[in-house]
Protein backbone atom coordinates (compact mmCIF):
# COMPACT_ATOMS: atom_id res chain seq x y z
CA MET A 1 23.35 4.13 8.15
CA SER A 2 22.66 2.26 11.37
CA PRO A 3 21.96 -1.48 11.31
CA PRO A 4 18.58 -1.03 13.07
CA ALA A 5 17.48 1.42 10.36
CA LEU A 6 18.63 -1.01 7.66
CA ARG A 7 16.35 -3.66 9.12
CA TRP A 8 13.33 -1.37 8.70
CA TYR A 9 14.35 -0.29 5.19
CA ALA A 10 14.66 -4.00 4.33
CA LEU A 11 11.09 -4.50 5.55
CA ALA A 12 9.95 -1.68 3.26
CA GLY A 13 11.88 -3.32 0.41
CA LEU A 14 10.22 -6.66 1.14
CA VAL A 15 6.79 -5.02 0.94
CA ILE A 16 7.72 -3.49 -2.44
CA LEU A 17 9.02 -6.84 -3.68
CA LEU A 18 5.93 -8.80 -2.59
CA ASP A 19 3.65 -6.11 -3.99
CA GLN A 20 5.35 -6.05 -7.37
CA ILE A 21 5.61 -9.86 -7.63
CA THR A 22 1.89 -10.26 -6.97
CA LYS A 23 1.08 -7.56 -9.52
CA VAL A 24 3.30 -9.15 -12.17
CA TRP A 25 1.49 -12.44 -11.58
CA VAL A 26 -1.98 -10.85 -11.77
CA LEU A 27 -1.10 -8.90 -14.91
CA ALA A 28 0.14 -12.11 -16.58
CA ALA A 29 -2.78 -14.28 -15.42
CA PHE A 30 -5.78 -11.96 -15.91
CA HIS A 31 -7.34 -9.72 -18.52
CA LEU A 32 -8.60 -6.32 -17.37
CA HIS A 33 -11.77 -6.78 -15.25
CA GLU A 34 -11.49 -10.56 -15.38
CA SER A 35 -12.53 -12.12 -12.09
CA ILE A 36 -12.10 -15.54 -10.51
CA THR A 37 -14.12 -16.60 -7.47
CA ILE A 38 -11.89 -17.98 -4.71
CA THR A 39 -14.40 -18.19 -1.83
CA PRO A 40 -18.01 -17.04 -1.36
CA PHE A 41 -16.63 -13.70 -0.08
CA PHE A 42 -13.37 -13.26 -2.02
CA ASN A 43 -12.45 -12.91 -5.71
CA LEU A 44 -9.31 -12.13 -7.61
CA VAL A 45 -9.97 -9.43 -10.21
CA LEU A 46 -7.72 -7.22 -12.30
CA VAL A 47 -8.58 -3.53 -12.15
CA MET A 48 -6.48 -0.46 -12.82
CA ASN A 49 -7.13 2.35 -10.33
CA PRO A 50 -6.00 5.83 -11.44
CA GLY A 51 -7.25 7.27 -8.14
CA ALA A 52 -6.25 6.82 -4.53
CA SER A 53 -7.60 4.46 -1.90
CA PHE A 54 -11.13 3.30 -2.61
CA SER A 55 -10.85 4.85 -6.11
CA PHE A 56 -10.92 8.38 -4.68
CA LEU A 57 -10.51 10.85 -7.58
CA ALA A 58 -10.35 8.00 -10.11
CA ASP A 59 -12.33 10.06 -12.64
CA ALA A 60 -10.44 13.33 -12.10
CA GLY A 61 -8.97 13.55 -15.61
CA GLY A 62 -5.32 12.56 -15.16
CA TRP A 63 -3.82 15.27 -12.96
CA GLN A 64 -4.32 13.04 -9.91
CA LYS A 65 -1.58 10.65 -11.11
CA TRP A 66 1.07 13.34 -10.62
CA PHE A 67 -0.51 14.62 -7.41
CA PHE A 68 -0.60 11.16 -5.81
CA MET A 69 2.94 10.38 -6.95
CA ALA A 70 4.27 13.67 -5.54
CA LEU A 71 2.37 13.15 -2.29
CA ALA A 72 3.61 9.55 -1.93
CA LEU A 73 7.22 10.58 -2.62
CA ALA A 74 7.05 13.45 -0.11
CA VAL A 75 5.54 11.18 2.55
CA SER A 76 8.14 8.52 1.72
CA ALA A 77 10.99 10.99 2.24
CA TRP A 78 9.52 11.91 5.63
CA LEU A 79 9.13 8.21 6.51
CA VAL A 80 12.78 7.51 5.67
CA VAL A 81 13.78 10.21 8.17
CA MET A 82 11.33 8.97 10.81
CA ILE A 83 12.59 5.39 10.45
CA ARG A 84 16.14 6.60 11.01
CA ARG A 85 15.08 8.61 14.08
CA HIS A 86 13.15 5.74 15.66
CA ALA A 87 15.23 2.82 14.35
CA GLY A 88 15.89 1.40 17.81
CA GLU A 89 12.20 1.10 18.60
CA ARG A 90 9.96 -1.72 17.42
CA LEU A 91 6.40 -0.75 16.61
CA GLN A 92 6.72 2.73 15.19
CA PRO A 93 9.53 2.15 12.67
CA GLY A 94 7.88 -1.11 11.62
CA ALA A 95 4.66 0.76 10.92
CA PHE A 96 6.59 3.45 9.05
CA ALA A 97 8.35 0.77 6.98
CA LEU A 98 5.05 -0.87 6.00
CA ILE A 99 3.64 2.48 4.90
CA LEU A 100 6.85 3.36 3.06
CA GLY A 101 6.92 0.07 1.16
CA GLY A 102 3.25 0.32 0.27
CA ALA A 103 3.51 3.92 -0.90
CA LEU A 104 6.52 3.18 -3.10
CA GLY A 105 4.92 0.01 -4.47
CA ASN A 106 1.97 2.05 -5.70
CA VAL A 107 4.26 4.81 -7.05
CA ILE A 108 5.98 2.18 -9.19
CA ASP A 109 2.58 1.27 -10.68
CA ARG A 110 1.72 4.90 -11.40
CA LEU A 111 5.05 5.32 -13.19
CA ARG A 112 4.68 2.08 -15.19
CA PHE A 113 0.95 2.09 -15.96
CA GLY A 114 -0.45 5.49 -15.02
CA ALA A 115 -2.65 3.69 -12.48
CA VAL A 116 -2.37 1.27 -9.57
CA VAL A 117 -2.90 -2.46 -10.16
CA ASP A 118 -5.58 -3.74 -7.76
CA PHE A 119 -6.76 -7.33 -7.54
CA LEU A 120 -8.04 -8.34 -4.10
CA ASP A 121 -11.85 -8.18 -4.08
CA PHE A 122 -13.75 -8.91 -0.87
CA HIS A 123 -17.55 -8.86 -0.90
CA VAL A 124 -20.62 -9.73 1.12
CA ALA A 125 -24.32 -9.85 0.12
CA GLY A 126 -23.56 -8.39 -3.30
CA TRP A 127 -21.62 -5.44 -1.85
CA HIS A 128 -17.97 -5.27 -2.94
CA TRP A 129 -15.23 -3.51 -1.01
CA PRO A 130 -13.11 -1.57 -3.53
CA ALA A 131 -10.37 -3.83 -4.89
CA PHE A 132 -6.94 -3.34 -3.36
CA ASN A 133 -3.43 -4.84 -3.40
CA VAL A 134 -0.50 -5.84 -1.18
CA ALA A 135 0.79 -2.24 -1.03
CA ASP A 136 -2.61 -0.97 0.13
CA SER A 137 -2.70 -3.74 2.75
CA ALA A 138 0.75 -2.78 4.07
CA ILE A 139 -0.26 0.90 4.27
CA THR A 140 -3.45 0.00 6.14
CA VAL A 141 -1.66 -2.28 8.62
CA GLY A 142 1.03 0.40 9.14
CA VAL A 143 -1.57 3.09 9.89
CA ILE A 144 -3.46 0.76 12.25
CA LEU A 145 -0.21 0.03 14.11
CA LEU A 146 0.53 3.77 14.43
CA LEU A 147 -2.98 4.41 15.76
CA TRP A 148 -2.69 1.50 18.18
CA GLN A 149 0.65 2.81 19.44
CA GLN A 150 -0.81 6.29 19.88
CA LEU A 151 -3.82 4.94 21.78
CA ARG A 152 -1.56 2.85 24.02
CA HIS A 153 0.68 5.85 24.61
CA THR A 154 -2.17 8.21 25.50
CA SER A 155 -3.86 5.66 27.77
CA HIS A 156 -0.65 5.50 29.88
CA ASP A 157 -0.46 9.27 30.37
């Protein structure tokens, strides 16, 4: 394996590590649905999400756990290949690594708990964004970076 690819896999590993450390802390410090106000727009809260992003399919009856795990593992395998192919670049493999780490961080939760541990709760005027975690944040930043790269690439054509 090439040293540039190892750097990106290490970034994915760091995302997994940070994600799991924060979840271990939240699970030890909070009871389910317990919430602590941090700022007027941000709380820490422990919720278990059996669905996908924004609780999509959370009430689907259990099959979604296996579907989301299979999907995340298939996408992760593709990302491993894409990181290797683009290892010498900067933005694209970094984005892939963030998505890879986030996807695998949430797969670990599904294996351990049957659901994803979410705890970051942003809100305004009584409206709460669905709670999320470090893995979700890494996936979101990775996708934004890929979109930004694509927009930059198409604007130069």
